[in-house]
Amino acid sequence: MIFLKKKKKIINLLKTTNEMVGLFLLHKKQVPELVEESCTAVEAIEKMFTEKMPEAKEILRDLSLLHDIFQLVFEKKVKIDPDLIQKIQNLLAVISDKVAKEVPNKLNIAFMPYKVTMWDSLASIYEAACKDPDCVAKVIPIPYYKITADKAIPVYEGKLFPANVSIIPYDDYDLNHEEPDIIFIHNAYDQYNTITQVDKRFFTSNLQQYTDMLVYVPYHITGFGKLQGDAQYITYAIPTMENIDKIVVAGQFVKDAAVKYGIPKEKVLVLGSPKMDAVYQATKNGKRIPDKWKEKLEGKFVFALDTNCMYLINHSFDGFAYIEQVFDAARMIPNCAVIWRPHPLTRISIAHYAPQMLKQYDQLVVEIKMNSPKYPNVIFDDGPEYLSFLNASDAYVSEANSISALYTSTERPIIFPYDKLADDTLWLPERSFYYFYNSKYPWYKIADNLVKGFDPKKDYRHNLASQIYSYTDGTSGKTIHQEIKREVILKTAGETK
C-alpha cells in the first residue's frame, strides 16, 4: 500500500525527473549524469510500486518503458533531440497523472501514547481513524522514564492497553520506513518534563523529521480556572511547540492564551478534547458502579475525591487533614462513601520533591486498601482508567483541574477545597460550584445535604461544559480526525501542483 506521503514523494520525484530531462539539450556535457540520476529516480519509484502496489500494472509498464528509454539514451543508442525530449516528458506526464488518479489518498496514521492512563486523550481520534476506509491507524506505545531525585526508571506500558487496541512494539516500528502521514502525540515536553520523560528517540525534535503533520493533543484538558500573568501560557513557552504542526485545544479561551504567547493562530485548532468524549460516553446513561466496588458503594451516595500529583507537596501542612475530612463523610454520614483517586504520578512526585512525606502517604494507602476500620466505605482507586471512578460517583471533590473540567459535562455537583472563588478567577460562573471551606455552607453541611438529596445549585450546572469547551457532545475525536485529514490532503495537493 502506498500512503499519501510516499505518493507525494513519487509525484515530486517525477516532477524533478521531468525538469532534469528538460536540461538534456541545454547541458549536453552533463547528460550522462542527468540520465543516471533520472534512472535512479525511476528505479526507486518502480521498486516502491513493485513492493507496495504491484496491482498497478499500467504504471509499472510505463515506468519500465521510461527506464528503457533512459538506458538507450545513456548508451547513446538514440539521438537526443526535441522530439525525444517531448516524448519522454509526455510519458512522465502520463505516469504522474496515473499516480495522482490511481493511487488513493490513503493516510498512514501513527498514534504514539506513552502512558495507558492518558490514552483517553487520543482514543476517540483512533476510533474515528479505524472506521475511515481512507486511513490505516497504528498505535505504537513509546517508552518513558520516571525521574526521581537520584535515578531515571525505564517504563513501558504497551502491554497494559485495552484489548481492542492493536499495538505495535516500538522496536518493531521503523519511522524511516513508515514515514507516517500523521503522528499524534499527547506528550510534547521532551527534556523539559522533570517527572516523566519520553525516550529521546520520540522527542518532538526527532519525530518531526519523519512526518509532515505532527499533532499534539494534550493528555490533559485545560481547566476552567483563570491563571494569573504568564502562568496561563506556560505550556506554550516550551521550545518544543515549534516542532509541532498542529496543537489541538479544548476551547477558544485556550487558543487565545496560546496565541497571546506567540503560537501562530493557524497552528492552534479549537476542536474539543477526546477526554471529554470518553466521559460523555461513560456517563451519558447515568451512574454505574463496577462490580469490584458494588459491595462498598451499592445504594450509597458516592463522593469522588481527586488530588493532583503535587497536592500533598504544595499543602504539606494541611493536605492530609483535608483528605481525612473528606473521609469523615464516609465515617459519619449514613449511606455515604468516598473513592479516592490520587493522580498516577503522586507517589513518584512525593519521592522526587518531598521524600520525607512518603512513609505517611504509603501508610494511608495501605490502611485503605486493607479495609482498616478507620476508613469504612472508602476505596482507593489506582486502576489504569479513571472513567469508572467518575461514573461511580454522585459528586466530585477536587481542586479546579483537568478532571474537574471533564466532570462539568456530567452536570453533577463539584466541591472545591476553597472558601470561595470570585467570578473573575473562573471561566465558568462560580455559583455553579460548592466550596469546602465556606464558613456559611461548609463541607459537612454540603455533604450531608447532598446525601439527603438536597442540591440547591443543580440548575446552575445545566449545559455547564459547553459554555467554554467545544464538541462536548462526544464528537471531538471524530472532528479532530476529519480536520487533520483535510489539512494533510490540502497541504499535499498544494505541494504537488
Protein backbone atom coordinates (compact mmCIF):
# COMPACT_ATOMS: atom_id res chain seq x y z
CA MET A 1 0.00 0.00 0.00
CA ILE A 2 1.35 3.42 -0.98
CA PHE A 3 0.35 6.08 1.53
CA LEU A 4 -0.14 9.78 0.86
CA LYS A 5 3.31 10.97 1.95
CA LYS A 6 5.00 8.43 -0.34
CA LYS A 7 2.57 9.28 -3.13
CA LYS A 8 3.63 12.91 -2.77
CA LYS A 9 7.26 11.87 -2.92
CA ILE A 10 6.64 9.91 -6.13
CA ILE A 11 4.88 12.81 -7.83
CA ASN A 12 7.61 15.22 -6.77
CA LEU A 13 10.28 12.78 -7.96
CA LEU A 14 8.56 12.54 -11.35
CA LYS A 15 8.42 16.34 -11.47
CA THR A 16 12.15 16.57 -10.69
CA THR A 17 12.89 13.94 -13.34
CA ASN A 18 10.89 15.96 -15.86
CA GLU A 19 12.97 19.04 -15.04
CA MET A 20 16.21 17.06 -15.49
CA VAL A 21 15.03 15.79 -18.89
CA GLY A 22 14.44 19.39 -19.91
CA LEU A 23 18.13 20.06 -19.32
CA PHE A 24 19.34 17.35 -21.73
CA LEU A 25 19.63 19.76 -24.68
CA LEU A 26 20.89 22.72 -22.64
CA HIS A 27 23.68 20.91 -20.85
CA LYS A 28 24.86 18.21 -23.23
CA LYS A 29 28.08 17.57 -21.33
CA GLN A 30 26.06 16.75 -18.20
CA VAL A 31 23.68 14.38 -20.00
CA PRO A 32 25.30 11.16 -18.63
CA GLU A 33 24.92 12.43 -15.05
CA LEU A 34 21.37 13.68 -15.66
CA VAL A 35 20.34 10.38 -17.27
CA GLU A 36 21.91 8.39 -14.43
CA GLU A 37 20.03 10.44 -11.84
CA SER A 38 16.82 10.05 -13.85
CA CYS A 39 17.32 6.29 -14.00
CA THR A 40 17.92 6.13 -10.26
CA ALA A 41 14.69 8.05 -9.64
CA VAL A 42 12.65 5.76 -11.90
CA GLU A 43 14.17 2.64 -10.30
CA ALA A 44 13.23 3.95 -6.85
CA ILE A 45 9.64 4.54 -7.99
CA GLU A 46 9.47 1.13 -9.68
CA LYS A 47 10.69 -0.56 -6.52
CA MET A 48 8.08 1.23 -4.44
CA PHE A 49 5.25 0.14 -6.73
CA THR A 50 6.56 -3.42 -7.02
CA GLU A 51 6.68 -3.76 -3.22
CA LYS A 52 3.68 -1.68 -2.17
CA MET A 53 1.24 -1.65 -5.10
CA PRO A 54 2.03 -4.48 -7.57
CA GLU A 55 -1.52 -4.38 -8.88
CA ALA A 56 -0.75 -1.05 -10.65
CA LYS A 57 0.25 -2.90 -13.83
CA GLU A 58 -0.07 0.04 -16.22
CA ILE A 59 2.05 2.34 -14.08
CA LEU A 60 4.71 -0.35 -13.73
CA ARG A 61 4.65 -0.93 -17.50
CA ASP A 62 5.08 2.79 -18.18
CA LEU A 63 7.91 3.04 -15.65
CA SER A 64 9.65 0.09 -17.27
CA LEU A 65 9.34 1.75 -20.69
CA LEU A 66 10.69 5.02 -19.28
CA HIS A 67 13.63 3.19 -17.73
CA ASP A 68 14.39 1.50 -21.05
CA ILE A 69 14.39 4.84 -22.85
CA PHE A 70 16.80 6.32 -20.32
CA GLN A 71 19.02 3.27 -20.74
CA LEU A 72 19.11 3.79 -24.51
CA VAL A 73 19.98 7.45 -24.02
CA PHE A 74 22.74 6.53 -21.57
CA GLU A 75 24.15 4.01 -24.05
CA LYS A 76 23.90 6.63 -26.84
CA LYS A 77 21.70 4.34 -28.94
CA VAL A 78 19.16 7.08 -29.59
CA LYS A 79 19.67 10.68 -30.60
CA ILE A 80 18.76 13.40 -28.10
CA ASP A 81 16.56 15.86 -29.93
CA PRO A 82 13.46 17.94 -29.15
CA ASP A 83 11.15 15.13 -30.31
CA LEU A 84 12.71 12.63 -27.91
CA ILE A 85 12.61 15.11 -25.05
CA GLN A 86 8.93 15.76 -25.77
CA LYS A 87 8.15 12.01 -25.85
CA ILE A 88 9.90 11.42 -22.51
CA GLN A 89 8.16 14.39 -20.87
CA ASN A 90 4.80 13.26 -22.25
CA LEU A 91 5.38 9.80 -20.77
CA LEU A 92 6.36 11.35 -17.43
CA ALA A 93 3.16 13.43 -17.51
CA VAL A 94 1.09 10.29 -18.22
CA ILE A 95 2.72 8.42 -15.33
CA SER A 96 2.29 11.37 -12.98
CA ASP A 97 -1.38 11.69 -13.94
CA LYS A 98 -1.96 7.96 -13.36
CA VAL A 99 -0.24 8.14 -9.97
CA ALA A 100 -2.40 11.10 -8.97
CA LYS A 101 -5.62 9.36 -10.05
CA GLU A 102 -4.98 5.67 -9.37
CA VAL A 103 -3.06 5.80 -6.10
CA PRO A 104 -5.68 6.58 -3.44
CA ASN A 105 -5.10 9.28 -0.85
CA LYS A 106 -4.59 6.70 1.88
CA LEU A 107 -3.24 8.02 5.16
CA ASN A 108 -0.76 6.21 7.38
CA ILE A 109 -1.52 7.44 10.91
CA ALA A 110 0.67 6.73 13.92
CA PHE A 111 -0.55 7.21 17.49
CA MET A 112 2.30 7.39 20.00
CA PRO A 113 0.97 7.44 23.58
CA TYR A 114 3.33 6.93 26.49
CA LYS A 115 1.01 6.23 29.46
CA VAL A 116 -2.03 3.98 29.24
CA THR A 117 -3.90 6.14 31.79
CA MET A 118 -3.64 9.01 29.31
CA TRP A 119 -4.73 7.02 26.25
CA ASP A 120 -8.17 8.61 26.54
CA SER A 121 -6.70 11.83 25.11
CA LEU A 122 -6.21 10.02 21.78
CA ALA A 123 -8.68 7.10 21.90
CA SER A 124 -11.66 8.63 20.10
CA ILE A 125 -9.41 10.00 17.32
CA TYR A 126 -8.02 6.48 16.88
CA GLU A 127 -11.54 5.04 16.78
CA ALA A 128 -12.55 7.53 14.08
CA ALA A 129 -9.42 6.73 12.06
CA CYS A 130 -10.09 2.97 12.32
CA LYS A 131 -13.56 3.49 10.84
CA ASP A 132 -12.22 5.57 7.95
CA PRO A 133 -11.53 3.41 4.84
CA ASP A 134 -9.03 6.03 3.68
CA CYS A 135 -6.79 5.50 6.71
CA VAL A 136 -4.64 2.90 8.40
CA ALA A 137 -4.23 3.62 12.12
CA LYS A 138 -1.37 2.18 14.16
CA VAL A 139 -0.76 2.51 17.89
CA ILE A 140 2.85 2.48 19.00
CA PRO A 141 3.15 2.97 22.78
CA ILE A 142 6.52 4.57 23.47
CA PRO A 143 8.87 4.02 26.43
CA TYR A 144 9.49 6.69 29.04
CA TYR A 145 11.38 7.28 32.27
CA LYS A 146 10.13 8.05 35.76
CA ILE A 147 12.59 10.57 37.12
CA THR A 148 13.35 10.62 40.86
CA ALA A 149 15.91 12.63 42.77
CA ASP A 150 18.68 10.14 42.03
CA LYS A 151 17.69 8.00 39.06
CA ALA A 152 15.62 7.55 35.90
CA ILE A 153 13.45 4.42 35.93
CA PRO A 154 12.59 3.00 32.47
CA VAL A 155 8.90 2.16 31.92
CA TYR A 156 6.97 0.65 29.01
CA GLU A 157 3.18 0.26 29.22
CA GLY A 158 2.43 -1.28 25.83
CA LYS A 159 1.05 -4.47 27.38
CA LEU A 160 -1.44 -2.53 29.52
CA PHE A 161 -3.51 -1.10 26.67
CA PRO A 162 -7.13 -2.22 26.15
CA ALA A 163 -7.62 -5.48 24.27
CA ASN A 164 -9.46 -3.68 21.47
CA VAL A 165 -6.38 -1.58 20.70
CA SER A 166 -3.93 -3.43 18.48
CA ILE A 167 -0.48 -2.20 19.42
CA ILE A 168 2.87 -2.35 17.63
CA PRO A 169 6.02 -2.64 19.82
CA TYR A 170 8.11 0.48 19.36
CA ASP A 171 11.17 -1.59 18.42
CA ASP A 172 9.20 -3.08 15.52
CA TYR A 173 8.12 0.29 14.15
CA ASP A 174 10.60 1.84 11.72
CA LEU A 175 9.86 5.55 11.42
CA ASN A 176 12.21 5.94 8.49
CA HIS A 177 10.44 3.18 6.58
CA GLU A 178 6.89 4.06 7.65
CA GLU A 179 7.12 7.85 7.17
CA PRO A 180 3.65 8.34 8.69
CA ASP A 181 1.43 10.98 7.14
CA ILE A 182 0.26 11.95 10.61
CA ILE A 183 1.71 11.36 14.07
CA PHE A 184 -0.50 12.03 17.09
CA ILE A 185 1.21 12.52 20.46
CA HIS A 186 -0.08 13.56 23.87
CA ASN A 187 3.24 14.49 25.49
CA ALA A 188 5.24 17.23 23.78
CA TYR A 189 7.52 18.24 26.64
CA ASP A 190 10.66 16.29 25.66
CA GLN A 191 13.55 17.09 28.02
CA TYR A 192 11.54 19.80 29.79
CA ASN A 193 9.44 17.31 31.78
CA THR A 194 11.15 16.72 35.14
CA ILE A 195 8.90 13.90 36.39
CA THR A 196 8.30 11.64 33.40
CA GLN A 197 10.29 11.93 30.19
CA VAL A 198 9.73 10.02 26.97
CA ASP A 199 12.65 8.23 25.37
CA LYS A 200 14.78 10.64 23.31
CA ARG A 201 14.00 8.71 20.14
CA PHE A 202 10.45 10.02 20.45
CA PHE A 203 11.18 13.65 21.26
CA THR A 204 9.23 16.03 19.03
CA SER A 205 12.54 17.24 17.59
CA ASN A 206 13.08 13.73 16.20
CA LEU A 207 9.51 12.84 15.21
CA GLN A 208 9.12 15.96 13.06
CA GLN A 209 11.77 14.59 10.70
CA TYR A 210 9.54 11.68 9.68
CA THR A 211 6.15 13.31 9.14
CA ASP A 212 4.63 16.43 7.64
CA MET A 213 1.89 16.52 10.29
CA LEU A 214 2.93 16.16 13.93
CA VAL A 215 -0.18 16.76 16.04
CA TYR A 216 -0.14 17.48 19.76
CA VAL A 217 -3.34 16.61 21.61
CA PRO A 218 -2.64 17.35 25.31
CA TYR A 219 -3.05 14.45 27.74
CA HIS A 220 -4.96 16.87 29.97
CA ILE A 221 -7.86 19.19 29.29
CA THR A 222 -7.23 22.79 30.30
CA GLY A 223 -9.15 23.61 33.46
CA PHE A 224 -11.60 26.48 33.76
CA GLY A 225 -9.62 28.39 36.40
CA LYS A 226 -8.09 31.63 35.17
CA LEU A 227 -4.37 31.61 35.84
CA GLN A 228 -2.59 34.85 36.59
CA GLY A 229 0.05 36.53 34.43
CA ASP A 230 2.21 34.29 32.29
CA ALA A 231 1.17 31.14 34.19
CA GLN A 232 -1.72 30.57 31.78
CA TYR A 233 0.67 30.48 28.85
CA ILE A 234 3.49 28.40 30.33
CA THR A 235 2.77 25.32 28.18
CA TYR A 236 3.23 27.39 25.04
CA ALA A 237 6.56 28.80 26.22
CA ILE A 238 8.26 25.44 25.88
CA PRO A 239 10.55 25.44 22.81
CA THR A 240 9.17 22.08 21.65
CA MET A 241 5.99 23.81 20.47
CA GLU A 242 7.99 24.94 17.42
CA ASN A 243 8.30 21.29 16.37
CA ILE A 244 4.53 20.77 16.33
CA ASP A 245 2.46 21.28 13.17
CA LYS A 246 -0.94 21.43 14.88
CA ILE A 247 -1.97 21.87 18.52
CA VAL A 248 -5.49 20.76 19.46
CA VAL A 249 -7.12 22.69 22.30
CA ALA A 250 -10.42 22.21 24.09
CA GLY A 251 -11.84 25.73 23.88
CA GLN A 252 -11.39 29.18 22.37
CA PHE A 253 -10.09 30.57 25.67
CA VAL A 254 -7.14 28.16 25.45
CA LYS A 255 -6.36 29.19 21.87
CA ASP A 256 -6.47 32.84 22.89
CA ALA A 257 -3.86 32.14 25.58
CA ALA A 258 -1.62 30.26 23.16
CA VAL A 259 -1.81 32.97 20.52
CA LYS A 260 -1.04 35.70 23.07
CA TYR A 261 2.14 33.88 23.91
CA GLY A 262 3.22 33.77 20.28
CA ILE A 263 1.93 30.49 18.87
CA PRO A 264 0.69 31.19 15.30
CA LYS A 265 -3.11 31.15 15.33
CA GLU A 266 -3.28 28.84 12.31
CA LYS A 267 -1.34 26.22 14.29
CA VAL A 268 -3.97 26.03 17.06
CA LEU A 269 -7.24 24.19 16.39
CA VAL A 270 -10.24 24.52 18.72
CA LEU A 271 -11.66 21.01 18.39
CA GLY A 272 -12.50 19.98 21.95
CA SER A 273 -10.87 17.09 23.75
CA PRO A 274 -11.15 13.31 23.25
CA LYS A 275 -11.07 13.11 27.05
CA MET A 276 -14.45 14.82 27.06
CA ASP A 277 -15.66 12.20 24.55
CA ALA A 278 -14.64 9.44 26.96
CA VAL A 279 -16.51 10.99 29.89
CA TYR A 280 -19.55 11.71 27.74
CA GLN A 281 -19.76 8.11 26.54
CA ALA A 282 -19.19 6.69 30.03
CA THR A 283 -21.72 8.88 31.82
CA LYS A 284 -24.46 9.58 29.28
CA ASN A 285 -26.64 6.78 30.68
CA GLY A 286 -26.20 7.79 34.32
CA LYS A 287 -24.27 6.47 37.30
CA ARG A 288 -22.85 2.94 37.09
CA ILE A 289 -20.85 1.11 39.76
CA PRO A 290 -18.29 -1.50 38.64
CA ASP A 291 -18.72 -4.99 40.11
CA LYS A 292 -15.46 -4.69 42.06
CA TRP A 293 -16.88 -1.80 44.12
CA LYS A 294 -20.53 -2.79 44.48
CA GLU A 295 -20.16 -4.23 47.97
CA LYS A 296 -18.99 -0.89 49.37
CA LEU A 297 -20.83 1.54 47.10
CA GLU A 298 -24.20 -0.01 46.17
CA GLY A 299 -27.07 2.13 47.45
CA LYS A 300 -24.79 4.91 48.74
CA PHE A 301 -24.11 8.49 47.74
CA VAL A 302 -20.55 8.46 46.48
CA PHE A 303 -18.05 11.32 46.58
CA ALA A 304 -15.12 11.07 44.14
CA LEU A 305 -12.02 12.63 45.74
CA ASP A 306 -9.30 13.62 43.27
CA THR A 307 -5.91 15.00 44.32
CA ASN A 308 -3.29 16.07 41.80
CA CYS A 309 0.31 14.81 41.83
CA MET A 310 1.60 17.91 43.63
CA TYR A 311 -1.28 18.41 46.08
CA LEU A 312 0.33 16.95 49.20
CA ILE A 313 3.64 18.61 48.33
CA ASN A 314 2.06 22.03 47.88
CA HIS A 315 -0.11 21.54 51.01
CA SER A 316 2.44 19.91 53.29
CA PHE A 317 0.80 21.23 56.48
CA ASP A 318 -2.88 20.62 55.81
CA GLY A 319 -3.07 18.27 52.82
CA PHE A 320 -3.52 15.04 54.79
CA ALA A 321 -6.01 16.76 57.13
CA TYR A 322 -8.14 17.79 54.15
CA ILE A 323 -8.20 14.23 52.82
CA GLU A 324 -9.19 12.92 56.24
CA GLN A 325 -12.05 15.44 56.40
CA VAL A 326 -13.40 14.13 53.11
CA PHE A 327 -13.18 10.60 54.54
CA ASP A 328 -15.18 11.81 57.57
CA ALA A 329 -18.27 11.93 55.34
CA ALA A 330 -18.00 8.18 54.78
CA ARG A 331 -17.40 7.64 58.51
CA MET A 332 -20.22 9.79 59.87
CA ILE A 333 -22.98 10.14 57.28
CA PRO A 334 -25.22 7.11 56.70
CA ASN A 335 -25.31 5.76 53.16
CA CYS A 336 -22.23 7.69 52.14
CA ALA A 337 -18.96 6.52 50.58
CA VAL A 338 -15.76 8.01 49.14
CA ILE A 339 -13.48 6.90 46.29
CA TRP A 340 -10.03 8.46 46.47
CA ARG A 341 -8.03 8.55 43.25
CA PRO A 342 -4.70 10.37 43.57
CA HIS A 343 -3.01 11.38 40.34
CA PRO A 344 -1.00 8.42 38.94
CA LEU A 345 2.22 10.40 39.43
CA THR A 346 1.53 11.27 43.08
CA ARG A 347 3.89 8.78 44.66
CA ILE A 348 6.75 9.44 42.25
CA SER A 349 6.26 13.19 42.77
CA ILE A 350 6.45 12.81 46.56
CA ALA A 351 9.56 10.65 46.20
CA HIS A 352 11.11 13.33 43.99
CA TYR A 353 10.12 16.53 45.81
CA ALA A 354 9.22 15.55 49.38
CA PRO A 355 10.63 12.10 50.27
CA GLN A 356 10.06 12.79 53.97
CA MET A 357 6.29 12.50 53.33
CA LEU A 358 6.45 9.15 51.58
CA LYS A 359 6.05 6.98 54.68
CA GLN A 360 2.86 8.77 55.78
CA TYR A 361 1.41 8.56 52.28
CA ASP A 362 2.22 4.86 51.91
CA GLN A 363 0.74 4.07 55.31
CA LEU A 364 -2.53 5.82 54.46
CA VAL A 365 -2.81 3.96 51.16
CA VAL A 366 -2.10 0.58 52.77
CA GLU A 367 -4.69 1.11 55.52
CA ILE A 368 -7.40 1.96 52.98
CA LYS A 369 -6.51 -0.99 50.77
CA MET A 370 -6.50 -3.33 53.78
CA ASN A 371 -10.04 -2.18 54.73
CA SER A 372 -8.95 -0.64 58.00
CA PRO A 373 -11.92 0.17 60.30
CA LYS A 374 -10.55 3.74 60.33
CA TYR A 375 -11.72 4.07 56.73
CA PRO A 376 -15.15 2.46 56.31
CA ASN A 377 -16.74 2.87 52.89
CA VAL A 378 -13.54 4.37 51.49
CA ILE A 379 -11.99 3.00 48.29
CA PHE A 380 -8.51 3.70 46.95
CA ASP A 381 -8.52 3.73 43.16
CA ASP A 382 -5.24 3.29 41.32
CA GLY A 383 -6.67 1.48 38.30
CA PRO A 384 -5.47 2.16 34.75
CA GLU A 385 -8.55 4.22 33.84
CA TYR A 386 -10.45 6.94 35.68
CA LEU A 387 -13.84 6.68 33.99
CA SER A 388 -15.12 4.09 36.47
CA PHE A 389 -14.07 6.48 39.25
CA LEU A 390 -16.10 9.31 37.74
CA ASN A 391 -19.14 7.32 36.73
CA ALA A 392 -19.47 5.52 40.07
CA SER A 393 -19.75 8.90 41.80
CA ASP A 394 -22.58 11.26 42.59
CA ALA A 395 -20.36 14.28 43.31
CA TYR A 396 -16.75 15.29 42.80
CA VAL A 397 -14.32 16.82 45.32
CA SER A 398 -11.17 18.39 43.91
CA GLU A 399 -9.24 21.50 43.09
CA ALA A 400 -10.07 23.14 39.77
CA ASN A 401 -8.11 20.93 37.40
CA SER A 402 -8.28 18.83 34.25
CA ILE A 403 -10.61 16.18 35.68
CA SER A 404 -12.97 18.72 37.25
CA ALA A 405 -13.20 20.29 33.80
CA LEU A 406 -14.27 16.91 32.40
CA TYR A 407 -16.71 16.38 35.25
CA THR A 408 -18.65 19.51 34.28
CA SER A 409 -20.08 17.51 31.38
CA THR A 410 -21.88 15.18 33.86
CA GLU A 411 -23.73 18.14 35.44
CA ARG A 412 -23.17 16.51 38.87
CA PRO A 413 -22.06 18.55 41.94
CA ILE A 414 -18.45 19.73 42.18
CA ILE A 415 -16.92 20.79 45.52
CA PHE A 416 -13.72 22.85 45.56
CA PRO A 417 -11.38 22.93 48.62
CA TYR A 418 -11.60 26.70 48.92
CA ASP A 419 -13.59 29.28 50.89
CA LYS A 420 -14.93 30.80 47.68
CA LEU A 421 -13.85 31.85 44.21
CA ALA A 422 -14.53 35.14 42.51
CA ASP A 423 -16.12 35.14 39.08
CA ASP A 424 -13.04 36.78 37.61
CA THR A 425 -10.92 33.77 38.58
CA LEU A 426 -13.03 31.28 36.59
CA TRP A 427 -14.13 30.88 33.02
CA LEU A 428 -17.40 29.45 34.39
CA PRO A 429 -19.87 31.05 36.86
CA GLU A 430 -18.63 30.49 40.43
CA ARG A 431 -22.21 29.99 41.65
CA SER A 432 -22.23 26.63 39.85
CA PHE A 433 -19.92 25.09 42.48
CA TYR A 434 -19.76 24.29 46.19
CA TYR A 435 -16.88 25.34 48.44
CA PHE A 436 -15.40 23.02 51.05
CA TYR A 437 -14.23 25.74 53.46
CA ASN A 438 -17.08 28.21 53.04
CA SER A 439 -17.98 29.36 56.56
CA LYS A 440 -21.69 29.75 55.77
CA TYR A 441 -22.08 26.45 53.98
CA PRO A 442 -19.09 24.23 54.83
CA TRP A 443 -18.18 20.71 53.80
CA TYR A 444 -20.14 18.82 56.46
CA LYS A 445 -23.37 20.63 55.51
CA ILE A 446 -22.71 20.23 51.78
CA ALA A 447 -22.06 16.51 52.17
CA ASP A 448 -24.99 15.87 54.48
CA ASN A 449 -27.46 17.72 52.26
CA LEU A 450 -26.27 16.11 49.03
CA VAL A 451 -26.57 12.66 50.56
CA LYS A 452 -30.14 13.57 51.57
CA GLY A 453 -30.93 14.72 48.04
CA PHE A 454 -30.81 18.48 48.58
CA ASP A 455 -28.77 20.15 45.82
CA PRO A 456 -29.53 23.91 45.60
CA LYS A 457 -27.02 24.52 42.77
CA LYS A 458 -28.35 21.87 40.40
CA ASP A 459 -29.96 24.25 37.90
CA TYR A 460 -26.77 26.30 37.58
CA ARG A 461 -24.91 23.30 36.18
CA HIS A 462 -27.16 22.73 33.15
CA ASN A 463 -25.03 22.74 29.96
CA LEU A 464 -22.09 23.96 32.03
CA ALA A 465 -19.29 22.36 29.97
CA SER A 466 -20.48 23.67 26.60
CA GLN A 467 -20.19 27.26 27.83
CA ILE A 468 -16.42 27.19 27.28
CA TYR A 469 -15.49 23.82 25.75
CA SER A 470 -16.12 22.74 22.16
CA TYR A 471 -17.64 19.46 20.96
CA THR A 472 -18.84 18.33 24.39
CA ASP A 473 -21.38 16.00 22.77
CA GLY A 474 -18.92 13.16 22.22
CA THR A 475 -17.80 14.23 18.73
CA SER A 476 -14.38 15.75 19.42
CA GLY A 477 -12.28 12.76 18.29
CA LYS A 478 -14.23 12.38 15.05
CA THR A 479 -13.91 16.11 14.37
CA ILE A 480 -10.16 16.13 15.07
CA HIS A 481 -9.64 13.20 12.72
CA GLN A 482 -11.64 14.81 9.92
CA GLU A 483 -9.96 18.20 10.27
CA ILE A 484 -6.38 16.87 10.42
CA LYS A 485 -7.10 14.57 7.47
CA ARG A 486 -8.43 17.55 5.49
CA GLU A 487 -5.37 19.65 6.38
CA VAL A 488 -2.97 16.91 5.26
CA ILE A 489 -4.73 16.33 1.94
CA LEU A 490 -4.94 20.07 1.19
CA LYS A 491 -1.30 20.55 2.14
CA THR A 492 -0.25 17.68 -0.10
CA ALA A 493 -2.34 18.96 -3.00
CA GLY A 494 -0.68 22.36 -2.71
CA GLU A 495 2.83 20.89 -2.64
CA THR A 496 2.35 18.65 -5.67
CA LYS A 497 0.84 21.18 -8.07
